């Protein structure tokens, strides 16, 4: 979910772009919903293995039918394992562990803090992605929102255990590191990037799961849980990556990043409708602060409002000048 592409200036998004954006937000929101169901019977590490393995197989079939060849990934094999560890293995494990205690809505909101940690890491580790005033303000709002969500629970034990919330924050930090790793891939098609990292993740997870749990009982989950696993792997991972990269190609990475505003709403709605989840009042306050932070970081809404205000001020000044000129002309004619 955290992989991005080089940002290219784009015009306004088309209706098709907006449709893809809303669909992607719903799908990625659904990943927290499906995971919440699956962790009821599957250990988080086992669920990670099934998610990446099924998605990798699906994307390899996709590349076999549509191209390009996965051989393009071979020169970057070592880097793919670093990306797999930071973008799949660590964050998926932490998210699923946290979701054994947290609802889909809370988990998705904490995961939505990824852009804040990414901006902080990019500012520290790169020379071309420094913090601007709006990004700095957005980061402050996002960190404040995260503190609001975690703080009261830390004091009163509300909204789930604190360790689970910190697990989700850890996943967001890992996604931020993954973005720094992803910057090093040059000339690798997006579909190959997604397939390569999921394949490498599968290679990492197979020995971990077999050594920790052995093969016995890995496939003993109930049918509803398997339905959630396949939905998580095929819909919220394999198909979502393809949809995301299509959106990046047509609307640009900056526009595509707006999906982070939609994912929590989708996850909370699904959790409310089907899992009976409720948010504490302080968690809703955190959601509002995080959403404001994301809007501030994006900057376009603020820029549009500023431009409109400047245009209105200029129009008012012009009308006043014209009115003053007319009054002076009338006075002189008298």
C-alpha atoms as a PDB file:
ATOM      1  CA  UNK A   1       0.000   0.000   0.000  1.00  0.00           C
ATOM      2  CA  UNK A   2       2.875   2.292   0.673  1.00  0.00           C
ATOM      3  CA  UNK A   3       4.653   2.146  -2.671  1.00  0.00           C
ATOM      4  CA  UNK A   4       4.488   5.363  -4.609  1.00  0.00           C
ATOM      5  CA  UNK A   5       5.801   6.620  -7.895  1.00  0.00           C
ATOM      6  CA  UNK A   6       7.535   9.750  -9.022  1.00  0.00           C
ATOM      7  CA  UNK A   7       5.105  12.610  -8.790  1.00  0.00           C
ATOM      8  CA  UNK A   8       4.245  14.155 -12.152  1.00  0.00           C
ATOM      9  CA  UNK A   9       2.247  17.385 -12.414  1.00  0.00           C
ATOM     10  CA  UNK A  10      -1.258  16.593 -13.600  1.00  0.00           C
ATOM     11  CA  UNK A  11      -4.454  18.421 -14.449  1.00  0.00           C
ATOM     12  CA  UNK A  12      -7.776  17.914 -12.677  1.00  0.00           C
ATOM     13  CA  UNK A  13      -8.832  14.307 -12.190  1.00  0.00           C
ATOM     14  CA  UNK A  14     -11.450  12.902 -14.554  1.00  0.00           C
ATOM     15  CA  UNK A  15     -14.642  11.162 -13.449  1.00  0.00           C
ATOM     16  CA  UNK A  16     -12.923   7.847 -14.227  1.00  0.00           C
ATOM     17  CA  UNK A  17     -10.009   8.798 -11.970  1.00  0.00           C
ATOM     18  CA  UNK A  18     -12.373   9.714  -9.146  1.00  0.00           C
ATOM     19  CA  UNK A  19     -14.236   6.431  -9.623  1.00  0.00           C
ATOM     20  CA  UNK A  20     -10.971   4.488  -9.361  1.00  0.00           C
ATOM     21  CA  UNK A  21      -9.932   6.489  -6.306  1.00  0.00           C
ATOM     22  CA  UNK A  22     -13.191   5.799  -4.467  1.00  0.00           C
ATOM     23  CA  UNK A  23     -13.098   2.116  -5.433  1.00  0.00           C
ATOM     24  CA  UNK A  24      -9.500   1.799  -4.236  1.00  0.00           C
ATOM     25  CA  UNK A  25     -10.348   3.476  -0.932  1.00  0.00           C
ATOM     26  CA  UNK A  26     -13.224   1.062  -0.408  1.00  0.00           C
ATOM     27  CA  UNK A  27     -11.022  -1.949  -1.264  1.00  0.00           C
ATOM     28  CA  UNK A  28      -8.158  -0.927   1.018  1.00  0.00           C
ATOM     29  CA  UNK A  29     -10.632  -0.083   3.768  1.00  0.00           C
ATOM     30  CA  UNK A  30     -11.959  -3.599   3.264  1.00  0.00           C
ATOM     31  CA  UNK A  31      -8.500  -5.047   3.954  1.00  0.00           C
ATOM     32  CA  UNK A  32      -8.854  -4.105   7.640  1.00  0.00           C
ATOM     33  CA  UNK A  33     -12.358  -5.575   7.670  1.00  0.00           C
ATOM     34  CA  UNK A  34     -11.199  -8.887   6.140  1.00  0.00           C
ATOM     35  CA  UNK A  35      -8.166  -9.051   8.426  1.00  0.00           C
ATOM     36  CA  UNK A  36     -10.322  -8.512  11.518  1.00  0.00           C
ATOM     37  CA  UNK A  37     -12.338 -11.602  10.522  1.00  0.00           C
ATOM     38  CA  UNK A  38      -9.308 -13.723   9.620  1.00  0.00           C
ATOM     39  CA  UNK A  39      -7.250 -13.115  12.787  1.00  0.00           C
ATOM     40  CA  UNK A  40     -10.065 -14.668  14.818  1.00  0.00           C
ATOM     41  CA  UNK A  41      -8.785 -18.101  13.702  1.00  0.00           C
ATOM     42  CA  UNK A  42      -5.402 -17.566  12.035  1.00  0.00           C
ATOM     43  CA  UNK A  43      -2.204 -16.446  13.733  1.00  0.00           C
ATOM     44  CA  UNK A  44      -1.030 -13.064  12.344  1.00  0.00           C
ATOM     45  CA  UNK A  45       2.141 -14.552  10.823  1.00  0.00           C
ATOM     46  CA  UNK A  46       0.164 -17.320   9.109  1.00  0.00           C
ATOM     47  CA  UNK A  47      -2.241 -14.736   7.726  1.00  0.00           C
ATOM     48  CA  UNK A  48       0.710 -12.707   6.392  1.00  0.00           C
ATOM     49  CA  UNK A  49       1.972 -15.797   4.557  1.00  0.00           C
ATOM     50  CA  UNK A  50      -1.385 -16.545   2.953  1.00  0.00           C
ATOM     51  CA  UNK A  51      -1.924 -12.905   1.982  1.00  0.00           C
ATOM     52  CA  UNK A  52       1.427 -12.434   0.233  1.00  0.00           C
ATOM     53  CA  UNK A  53       1.579 -15.937  -1.286  1.00  0.00           C
ATOM     54  CA  UNK A  54      -1.891 -15.890  -2.845  1.00  0.00           C
ATOM     55  CA  UNK A  55      -1.399 -12.311  -4.075  1.00  0.00           C
ATOM     56  CA  UNK A  56       2.033 -13.154  -5.523  1.00  0.00           C
ATOM     57  CA  UNK A  57       0.632 -16.121  -7.445  1.00  0.00           C
ATOM     58  CA  UNK A  58      -2.213 -13.980  -8.786  1.00  0.00           C
ATOM     59  CA  UNK A  59       0.140 -11.209  -9.920  1.00  0.00           C
ATOM     60  CA  UNK A  60       2.554 -13.675 -11.507  1.00  0.00           C
ATOM     61  CA  UNK A  61      -0.362 -15.035 -13.544  1.00  0.00           C
ATOM     62  CA  UNK A  62      -1.270 -11.443 -14.422  1.00  0.00           C
ATOM     63  CA  UNK A  63       2.277 -10.737 -15.648  1.00  0.00           C
ATOM     64  CA  UNK A  64       2.267 -13.997 -17.609  1.00  0.00           C
ATOM     65  CA  UNK A  65      -0.879 -12.917 -19.455  1.00  0.00           C
ATOM     66  CA  UNK A  66      -0.293  -9.167 -19.753  1.00  0.00           C
ATOM     67  CA  UNK A  67       3.427  -8.641 -19.247  1.00  0.00           C
ATOM     68  CA  UNK A  68       6.002  -7.272 -18.696  1.00  0.00           C
ATOM     69  CA  UNK A  69       8.358 -10.086 -17.738  1.00  0.00           C
ATOM     70  CA  UNK A  70       9.284 -10.639 -14.092  1.00  0.00           C
ATOM     71  CA  UNK A  71      12.876 -11.083 -15.323  1.00  0.00           C
ATOM     72  CA  UNK A  72      13.157  -7.297 -15.094  1.00  0.00           C
ATOM     73  CA  UNK A  73      13.237  -7.759 -11.326  1.00  0.00           C
ATOM     74  CA  UNK A  74      16.274 -10.052 -11.279  1.00  0.00           C
ATOM     75  CA  UNK A  75      18.969  -7.311 -11.311  1.00  0.00           C
ATOM     76  CA  UNK A  76      17.323  -5.840  -8.189  1.00  0.00           C
ATOM     77  CA  UNK A  77      16.772  -9.134  -6.335  1.00  0.00           C
ATOM     78  CA  UNK A  78      18.542  -8.068  -3.115  1.00  0.00           C
ATOM     79  CA  UNK A  79      16.715  -4.757  -2.956  1.00  0.00           C
ATOM     80  CA  UNK A  80      13.392  -6.526  -3.508  1.00  0.00           C
ATOM     81  CA  UNK A  81      13.941  -8.499  -0.291  1.00  0.00           C
ATOM     82  CA  UNK A  82      14.585  -5.262   1.622  1.00  0.00           C
ATOM     83  CA  UNK A  83      11.396  -3.804   0.148  1.00  0.00           C
ATOM     84  CA  UNK A  84       9.466  -6.983   0.940  1.00  0.00           C
ATOM     85  CA  UNK A  85      10.615  -6.892   4.559  1.00  0.00           C
ATOM     86  CA  UNK A  86       9.741  -3.213   5.108  1.00  0.00           C
ATOM     87  CA  UNK A  87       6.605  -2.992   2.954  1.00  0.00           C
ATOM     88  CA  UNK A  88       4.964  -6.384   3.561  1.00  0.00           C
ATOM     89  CA  UNK A  89       6.501  -8.661   6.191  1.00  0.00           C
ATOM     90  CA  UNK A  90       6.916  -6.177   9.055  1.00  0.00           C
ATOM     91  CA  UNK A  91       3.847  -3.948   8.537  1.00  0.00           C
ATOM     92  CA  UNK A  92       1.444  -6.789   7.711  1.00  0.00           C
ATOM     93  CA  UNK A  93       2.610  -8.704  10.797  1.00  0.00           C
ATOM     94  CA  UNK A  94       2.197  -5.673  13.061  1.00  0.00           C
ATOM     95  CA  UNK A  95      -1.189  -4.737  11.593  1.00  0.00           C
ATOM     96  CA  UNK A  96      -2.602  -8.253  11.975  1.00  0.00           C
ATOM     97  CA  UNK A  97      -1.199  -8.545  15.499  1.00  0.00           C
ATOM     98  CA  UNK A  98      -2.792  -5.223  16.409  1.00  0.00           C
ATOM     99  CA  UNK A  99      -6.084  -6.265  14.873  1.00  0.00           C
ATOM    100  CA  UNK A 100      -6.373  -9.188  17.257  1.00  0.00           C
ATOM    101  CA  UNK A 101      -7.323  -6.448  19.749  1.00  0.00           C
ATOM    102  CA  UNK A 102      -8.379  -3.429  17.674  1.00  0.00           C
ATOM    103  CA  UNK A 103     -11.363  -2.904  15.400  1.00  0.00           C
ATOM    104  CA  UNK A 104     -11.008  -2.282  11.679  1.00  0.00           C
ATOM    105  CA  UNK A 105     -11.826   1.420  12.046  1.00  0.00           C
ATOM    106  CA  UNK A 106      -9.222   2.271  14.680  1.00  0.00           C
ATOM    107  CA  UNK A 107      -6.577   0.187  12.880  1.00  0.00           C
ATOM    108  CA  UNK A 108      -7.199   1.937   9.557  1.00  0.00           C
ATOM    109  CA  UNK A 109      -7.000   5.406  11.107  1.00  0.00           C
ATOM    110  CA  UNK A 110      -3.687   4.657  12.819  1.00  0.00           C
ATOM    111  CA  UNK A 111      -2.404   3.207   9.551  1.00  0.00           C
ATOM    112  CA  UNK A 112      -3.458   6.452   7.820  1.00  0.00           C
ATOM    113  CA  UNK A 113      -0.665   8.221   9.728  1.00  0.00           C
ATOM    114  CA  UNK A 114       1.812   6.716   7.215  1.00  0.00           C
ATOM    115  CA  UNK A 115       2.135   9.982   5.202  1.00  0.00           C
ATOM    116  CA  UNK A 116       3.229  11.856   8.331  1.00  0.00           C
ATOM    117  CA  UNK A 117       6.051   9.454   9.180  1.00  0.00           C
ATOM    118  CA  UNK A 118       7.022   9.267   5.497  1.00  0.00           C
ATOM    119  CA  UNK A 119       7.402  13.049   5.322  1.00  0.00           C
ATOM    120  CA  UNK A 120       9.541  13.072   8.465  1.00  0.00           C
ATOM    121  CA  UNK A 121      11.796  10.298   7.119  1.00  0.00           C
ATOM    122  CA  UNK A 122      12.008  11.899   3.669  1.00  0.00           C
ATOM    123  CA  UNK A 123      12.994  15.219   5.213  1.00  0.00           C
ATOM    124  CA  UNK A 124      15.761  13.527   7.199  1.00  0.00           C
ATOM    125  CA  UNK A 125      17.052  11.091   4.587  1.00  0.00           C
ATOM    126  CA  UNK A 126      16.586  12.794   1.191  1.00  0.00           C
ATOM    127  CA  UNK A 127      17.627  16.072  -0.391  1.00  0.00           C
ATOM    128  CA  UNK A 128      14.624  16.632  -2.659  1.00  0.00           C
ATOM    129  CA  UNK A 129      11.652  16.112  -0.318  1.00  0.00           C
ATOM    130  CA  UNK A 130      12.081  18.701   2.401  1.00  0.00           C
ATOM    131  CA  UNK A 131       9.232  19.864   4.631  1.00  0.00           C
ATOM    132  CA  UNK A 132       7.303  22.928   3.460  1.00  0.00           C
ATOM    133  CA  UNK A 133       5.128  25.004   5.796  1.00  0.00           C
ATOM    134  CA  UNK A 134       1.951  23.138   4.847  1.00  0.00           C
ATOM    135  CA  UNK A 135       3.655  19.749   5.207  1.00  0.00           C
ATOM    136  CA  UNK A 136       5.067  20.743   8.587  1.00  0.00           C
ATOM    137  CA  UNK A 137       1.624  21.890   9.754  1.00  0.00           C
ATOM    138  CA  UNK A 138       0.072  18.675   8.417  1.00  0.00           C
ATOM    139  CA  UNK A 139       2.641  16.530  10.225  1.00  0.00           C
ATOM    140  CA  UNK A 140       1.922  18.405  13.471  1.00  0.00           C
ATOM    141  CA  UNK A 141      -1.821  17.831  13.079  1.00  0.00           C
ATOM    142  CA  UNK A 142      -1.283  14.157  12.254  1.00  0.00           C
ATOM    143  CA  UNK A 143       0.993  13.533  15.229  1.00  0.00           C
ATOM    144  CA  UNK A 144      -1.488  15.390  17.452  1.00  0.00           C
ATOM    145  CA  UNK A 145      -4.318  13.226  16.113  1.00  0.00           C
ATOM    146  CA  UNK A 146      -2.327  10.079  16.805  1.00  0.00           C
ATOM    147  CA  UNK A 147      -1.564  11.282  20.339  1.00  0.00           C
ATOM    148  CA  UNK A 148      -5.253  12.016  20.922  1.00  0.00           C
ATOM    149  CA  UNK A 149      -6.166   8.496  19.795  1.00  0.00           C
ATOM    150  CA  UNK A 150      -3.537   6.800  21.939  1.00  0.00           C
ATOM    151  CA  UNK A 151      -3.212   9.115  24.983  1.00  0.00           C
ATOM    152  CA  UNK A 152      -6.599   8.648  26.730  1.00  0.00           C
ATOM    153  CA  UNK A 153      -6.386   4.892  26.192  1.00  0.00           C
ATOM    154  CA  UNK A 154      -2.928   4.909  27.747  1.00  0.00           C
ATOM    155  CA  UNK A 155      -4.340   6.602  30.852  1.00  0.00           C
ATOM    156  CA  UNK A 156      -7.663   4.794  31.136  1.00  0.00           C
ATOM    157  CA  UNK A 157      -7.319   1.574  29.165  1.00  0.00           C
ATOM    158  CA  UNK A 158      -9.960   2.656  26.623  1.00  0.00           C
ATOM    159  CA  UNK A 159     -10.298   1.723  22.967  1.00  0.00           C
ATOM    160  CA  UNK A 160      -8.115  -1.375  23.108  1.00  0.00           C
ATOM    161  CA  UNK A 161      -4.642  -2.068  24.581  1.00  0.00           C
ATOM    162  CA  UNK A 162      -1.927   0.485  23.940  1.00  0.00           C
ATOM    163  CA  UNK A 163       0.532  -2.117  22.603  1.00  0.00           C
ATOM    164  CA  UNK A 164      -1.881  -2.858  19.748  1.00  0.00           C
ATOM    165  CA  UNK A 165      -2.068   0.818  18.803  1.00  0.00           C
ATOM    166  CA  UNK A 166       1.703   1.125  18.882  1.00  0.00           C
ATOM    167  CA  UNK A 167       1.878  -1.947  16.615  1.00  0.00           C
ATOM    168  CA  UNK A 168      -0.157  -0.033  14.032  1.00  0.00           C
ATOM    169  CA  UNK A 169       2.105   3.009  14.424  1.00  0.00           C
ATOM    170  CA  UNK A 170       5.097   0.706  13.935  1.00  0.00           C
ATOM    171  CA  UNK A 171       3.524  -0.575  10.721  1.00  0.00           C
ATOM    172  CA  UNK A 172       3.111   2.998   9.491  1.00  0.00           C
ATOM    173  CA  UNK A 173       6.769   3.735  10.250  1.00  0.00           C
ATOM    174  CA  UNK A 174       7.784   0.603   8.343  1.00  0.00           C
ATOM    175  CA  UNK A 175       5.746   1.770   5.360  1.00  0.00           C
ATOM    176  CA  UNK A 176       7.608   5.078   5.521  1.00  0.00           C
ATOM    177  CA  UNK A 177      10.957   3.279   5.418  1.00  0.00           C
ATOM    178  CA  UNK A 178       9.678   1.186   2.499  1.00  0.00           C
ATOM    179  CA  UNK A 179       8.995   4.344   0.509  1.00  0.00           C
ATOM    180  CA  UNK A 180      12.620   5.374   0.972  1.00  0.00           C
ATOM    181  CA  UNK A 181      13.680   1.948  -0.330  1.00  0.00           C
ATOM    182  CA  UNK A 182      11.245   2.131  -3.253  1.00  0.00           C
ATOM    183  CA  UNK A 183      12.874   5.387  -4.413  1.00  0.00           C
ATOM    184  CA  UNK A 184      15.948   3.349  -5.387  1.00  0.00           C
ATOM    185  CA  UNK A 185      14.120   1.343  -8.058  1.00  0.00           C
ATOM    186  CA  UNK A 186      14.742   2.943 -11.434  1.00  0.00           C
ATOM    187  CA  UNK A 187      13.048   1.837 -14.631  1.00  0.00           C
ATOM    188  CA  UNK A 188      11.159  -1.076 -13.039  1.00  0.00           C
ATOM    189  CA  UNK A 189       7.504  -1.242 -14.169  1.00  0.00           C
ATOM    190  CA  UNK A 190       5.000  -0.885 -11.340  1.00  0.00           C
ATOM    191  CA  UNK A 191       3.420  -4.308 -11.926  1.00  0.00           C
ATOM    192  CA  UNK A 192       6.867  -5.948 -11.725  1.00  0.00           C
ATOM    193  CA  UNK A 193       7.618  -3.963  -8.570  1.00  0.00           C
ATOM    194  CA  UNK A 194       4.454  -5.219  -6.873  1.00  0.00           C
ATOM    195  CA  UNK A 195       4.928  -8.823  -8.035  1.00  0.00           C
ATOM    196  CA  UNK A 196       8.604  -8.878  -7.092  1.00  0.00           C
ATOM    197  CA  UNK A 197       8.057  -7.616  -3.558  1.00  0.00           C
ATOM    198  CA  UNK A 198       5.169 -10.015  -2.886  1.00  0.00           C
ATOM    199  CA  UNK A 199       7.173 -12.941  -4.268  1.00  0.00           C
ATOM    200  CA  UNK A 200      10.140 -12.019  -2.064  1.00  0.00           C
ATOM    201  CA  UNK A 201       7.764 -11.671   0.904  1.00  0.00           C
ATOM    202  CA  UNK A 202       6.480 -15.189   0.292  1.00  0.00           C
ATOM    203  CA  UNK A 203      10.045 -16.556   0.215  1.00  0.00           C
ATOM    204  CA  UNK A 204      10.719 -14.844   3.567  1.00  0.00           C
ATOM    205  CA  UNK A 205       7.485 -15.954   5.237  1.00  0.00           C
ATOM    206  CA  UNK A 206       7.460 -19.652   4.258  1.00  0.00           C
ATOM    207  CA  UNK A 207      10.426 -20.729   6.465  1.00  0.00           C
ATOM    208  CA  UNK A 208       9.331 -18.395   9.309  1.00  0.00           C
ATOM    209  CA  UNK A 209       5.846 -19.930   9.490  1.00  0.00           C
ATOM    210  CA  UNK A 210       7.000 -23.534   8.971  1.00  0.00           C
ATOM    211  CA  UNK A 211       9.728 -23.214  11.618  1.00  0.00           C
ATOM    212  CA  UNK A 212       7.415 -21.493  14.109  1.00  0.00           C
ATOM    213  CA  UNK A 213       4.207 -23.475  13.646  1.00  0.00           C
ATOM    214  CA  UNK A 214       4.948 -26.407  11.344  1.00  0.00           C
ATOM    215  CA  UNK A 215       2.626 -27.507   8.526  1.00  0.00           C
ATOM    216  CA  UNK A 216       0.005 -29.079  10.790  1.00  0.00           C
ATOM    217  CA  UNK A 217      -3.156 -27.062  11.181  1.00  0.00           C
ATOM    218  CA  UNK A 218      -2.229 -24.301   8.729  1.00  0.00           C
ATOM    219  CA  UNK A 219      -5.288 -25.014   6.593  1.00  0.00           C
ATOM    220  CA  UNK A 220      -7.815 -25.760   9.330  1.00  0.00           C
ATOM    221  CA  UNK A 221      -9.660 -22.428   9.303  1.00  0.00           C
ATOM    222  CA  UNK A 222     -13.415 -22.272   8.731  1.00  0.00           C
ATOM    223  CA  UNK A 223     -14.929 -21.394   5.311  1.00  0.00           C
ATOM    224  CA  UNK A 224     -15.847 -17.796   6.306  1.00  0.00           C
ATOM    225  CA  UNK A 225     -12.257 -17.165   7.366  1.00  0.00           C
ATOM    226  CA  UNK A 226     -10.905 -18.593   4.106  1.00  0.00           C
ATOM    227  CA  UNK A 227     -13.302 -16.336   2.215  1.00  0.00           C
ATOM    228  CA  UNK A 228     -11.836 -13.369   4.127  1.00  0.00           C
ATOM    229  CA  UNK A 229      -8.269 -14.562   3.399  1.00  0.00           C
ATOM    230  CA  UNK A 230      -8.865 -14.832  -0.344  1.00  0.00           C
ATOM    231  CA  UNK A 231     -10.659 -11.475  -0.393  1.00  0.00           C
ATOM    232  CA  UNK A 232      -7.710  -9.932   1.463  1.00  0.00           C
ATOM    233  CA  UNK A 233      -5.139 -11.458  -0.904  1.00  0.00           C
ATOM    234  CA  UNK A 234      -6.897 -11.205  -4.265  1.00  0.00           C
ATOM    235  CA  UNK A 235      -9.044  -8.104  -3.855  1.00  0.00           C
ATOM    236  CA  UNK A 236      -7.247  -5.953  -1.273  1.00  0.00           C
ATOM    237  CA  UNK A 237      -3.705  -6.844  -2.345  1.00  0.00           C
ATOM    238  CA  UNK A 238      -3.296  -8.151  -5.919  1.00  0.00           C
ATOM    239  CA  UNK A 239      -6.181  -6.259  -7.590  1.00  0.00           C
ATOM    240  CA  UNK A 240      -5.650  -3.171  -5.396  1.00  0.00           C
ATOM    241  CA  UNK A 241      -2.022  -2.859  -6.493  1.00  0.00           C
ATOM    242  CA  UNK A 242      -3.016  -3.032 -10.166  1.00  0.00           C
ATOM    243  CA  UNK A 243      -5.790  -0.469  -9.633  1.00  0.00           C
ATOM    244  CA  UNK A 244      -3.457   1.811  -7.692  1.00  0.00           C
ATOM    245  CA  UNK A 245      -0.762   1.766 -10.353  1.00  0.00           C
ATOM    246  CA  UNK A 246      -3.367   2.457 -13.053  1.00  0.00           C
ATOM    247  CA  UNK A 247      -4.507   5.465 -11.027  1.00  0.00           C
ATOM    248  CA  UNK A 248      -0.925   6.691 -10.598  1.00  0.00           C
ATOM    249  CA  UNK A 249      -0.401   6.444 -14.363  1.00  0.00           C
ATOM    250  CA  UNK A 250      -3.578   8.371 -15.231  1.00  0.00           C
ATOM    251  CA  UNK A 251      -3.859  10.888 -12.383  1.00  0.00           C
ATOM    252  CA  UNK A 252      -0.380  11.074 -10.865  1.00  0.00           C
ATOM    253  CA  UNK A 253       0.993   9.897  -7.518  1.00  0.00           C
ATOM    254  CA  UNK A 254      -0.084  13.042  -5.668  1.00  0.00           C
ATOM    255  CA  UNK A 255      -3.725  12.613  -6.690  1.00  0.00           C
ATOM    256  CA  UNK A 256      -3.538   8.882  -5.968  1.00  0.00           C
ATOM    257  CA  UNK A 257      -2.293   9.594  -2.433  1.00  0.00           C
ATOM    258  CA  UNK A 258      -5.724  11.069  -1.606  1.00  0.00           C
ATOM    259  CA  UNK A 259      -6.863   7.472  -1.121  1.00  0.00           C
ATOM    260  CA  UNK A 260      -5.506   7.737   2.447  1.00  0.00           C
ATOM    261  CA  UNK A 261      -8.442  10.032   3.236  1.00  0.00           C
ATOM    262  CA  UNK A 262     -10.958   7.418   2.088  1.00  0.00           C
ATOM    263  CA  UNK A 263      -9.549   4.209   3.595  1.00  0.00           C
ATOM    264  CA  UNK A 264     -10.420   4.954   7.268  1.00  0.00           C
ATOM    265  CA  UNK A 265     -13.978   5.991   6.373  1.00  0.00           C
ATOM    266  CA  UNK A 266     -14.450   2.776   4.408  1.00  0.00           C
ATOM    267  CA  UNK A 267     -12.998   0.586   7.168  1.00  0.00           C
ATOM    268  CA  UNK A 268     -15.031   2.285   9.902  1.00  0.00           C
ATOM    269  CA  UNK A 269     -18.246   1.976   7.887  1.00  0.00           C
ATOM    270  CA  UNK A 270     -17.683  -1.736   7.250  1.00  0.00           C
ATOM    271  CA  UNK A 271     -16.774  -2.315  10.900  1.00  0.00           C
ATOM    272  CA  UNK A 272     -19.895  -0.445  12.043  1.00  0.00           C
ATOM    273  CA  UNK A 273     -22.250  -2.253   9.636  1.00  0.00           C
ATOM    274  CA  UNK A 274     -20.953  -5.817   9.932  1.00  0.00           C
ATOM    275  CA  UNK A 275     -18.798  -6.115  13.071  1.00  0.00           C
ATOM    276  CA  UNK A 276     -20.700  -3.895  15.495  1.00  0.00           C
ATOM    277  CA  UNK A 277     -17.663  -1.672  16.118  1.00  0.00           C
ATOM    278  CA  UNK A 278     -17.911   1.743  17.779  1.00  0.00           C
ATOM    279  CA  UNK A 279     -15.380   4.515  18.129  1.00  0.00           C
ATOM    280  CA  UNK A 280     -14.706   6.283  21.418  1.00  0.00           C
ATOM    281  CA  UNK A 281     -15.243  10.061  21.383  1.00  0.00           C
ATOM    282  CA  UNK A 282     -11.505  10.759  21.714  1.00  0.00           C
ATOM    283  CA  UNK A 283     -10.843   8.433  18.753  1.00  0.00           C
ATOM    284  CA  UNK A 284     -13.286  10.423  16.608  1.00  0.00           C
ATOM    285  CA  UNK A 285     -11.396  13.572  17.613  1.00  0.00           C
ATOM    286  CA  UNK A 286      -8.165  11.913  16.502  1.00  0.00           C
ATOM    287  CA  UNK A 287      -9.758  10.984  13.173  1.00  0.00           C
ATOM    288  CA  UNK A 288     -10.699  14.632  12.575  1.00  0.00           C
ATOM    289  CA  UNK A 289      -7.168  15.866  13.346  1.00  0.00           C
ATOM    290  CA  UNK A 290      -5.580  13.223  11.097  1.00  0.00           C
ATOM    291  CA  UNK A 291      -7.948  14.089   8.230  1.00  0.00           C
ATOM    292  CA  UNK A 292      -7.136  17.797   8.649  1.00  0.00           C
ATOM    293  CA  UNK A 293      -3.441  16.932   8.625  1.00  0.00           C
ATOM    294  CA  UNK A 294      -3.736  14.982   5.372  1.00  0.00           C
ATOM    295  CA  UNK A 295      -5.699  17.822   3.737  1.00  0.00           C
ATOM    296  CA  UNK A 296      -3.063  20.319   4.911  1.00  0.00           C
ATOM    297  CA  UNK A 297      -0.202  18.185   3.569  1.00  0.00           C
ATOM    298  CA  UNK A 298      -1.937  17.807   0.209  1.00  0.00           C
ATOM    299  CA  UNK A 299      -2.208  21.612   0.096  1.00  0.00           C
ATOM    300  CA  UNK A 300      -4.488  21.889  -2.910  1.00  0.00           C
ATOM    301  CA  UNK A 301      -7.670  22.709  -1.017  1.00  0.00           C
ATOM    302  CA  UNK A 302      -5.889  25.440   0.952  1.00  0.00           C
ATOM    303  CA  UNK A 303      -4.279  26.790  -2.231  1.00  0.00           C
ATOM    304  CA  UNK A 304      -7.645  26.826  -3.989  1.00  0.00           C
ATOM    305  CA  UNK A 305      -9.285  28.695  -1.104  1.00  0.00           C
ATOM    306  CA  UNK A 306      -6.380  31.162  -0.985  1.00  0.00           C
ATOM    307  CA  UNK A 307      -6.620  31.778  -4.730  1.00  0.00           C
ATOM    308  CA  UNK A 308     -10.376  32.309  -4.456  1.00  0.00           C
ATOM    309  CA  UNK A 309      -9.884  34.747  -1.568  1.00  0.00           C
ATOM    310  CA  UNK A 310      -7.236  36.675  -3.507  1.00  0.00           C
ATOM    311  CA  UNK A 311      -9.440  36.822  -6.596  1.00  0.00           C
ATOM    312  CA  UNK A 312     -12.370  38.059  -4.510  1.00  0.00           C
ATOM    313  CA  UNK A 313     -10.179  40.703  -2.856  1.00  0.00           C
ATOM    314  CA  UNK A 314      -8.859  41.839  -6.230  1.00  0.00           C
ATOM    315  CA  UNK A 315     -12.397  42.011  -7.622  1.00  0.00           C
ATOM    316  CA  UNK A 316     -13.582  44.035  -4.609  1.00  0.00           C
ATOM    317  CA  UNK A 317     -10.637  46.410  -4.941  1.00  0.00           C
ATOM    318  CA  UNK A 318     -11.336  46.861  -8.660  1.00  0.00           C
ATOM    319  CA  UNK A 319     -15.017  47.607  -8.001  1.00  0.00           C
ATOM    320  CA  UNK A 320     -14.128  50.075  -5.260  1.00  0.00           C
ATOM    321  CA  UNK A 321     -11.634  51.796  -7.530  1.00  0.00           C
ATOM    322  CA  UNK A 322     -14.199  52.001 -10.311  1.00  0.00           C
ATOM    323  CA  UNK A 323     -16.808  53.346  -7.905  1.00  0.00           C
ATOM    324  CA  UNK A 324     -14.386  55.952  -6.538  1.00  0.00           C
ATOM    325  CA  UNK A 325     -13.453  57.012 -10.043  1.00  0.00           C
ATOM    326  CA  UNK A 326     -17.102  57.369 -10.999  1.00  0.00           C
ATOM    327  CA  UNK A 327     -17.837  59.442  -7.873  1.00  0.00           C
ATOM    328  CA  UNK A 328     -14.885  61.717  -8.580  1.00  0.00           C
ATOM    329  CA  UNK A 329     -16.049  62.150 -12.185  1.00  0.00           C
ATOM    330  CA  UNK A 330     -19.565  63.054 -11.034  1.00  0.00           C
ATOM    331  CA  UNK A 331     -18.216  65.528  -8.485  1.00  0.00           C
ATOM    332  CA  UNK A 332     -15.995  67.190 -11.122  1.00  0.00           C
ATOM    333  CA  UNK A 333     -18.899  67.537 -13.576  1.00  0.00           C
ATOM    334  CA  UNK A 334     -20.810  69.449 -10.924  1.00  0.00           C
END
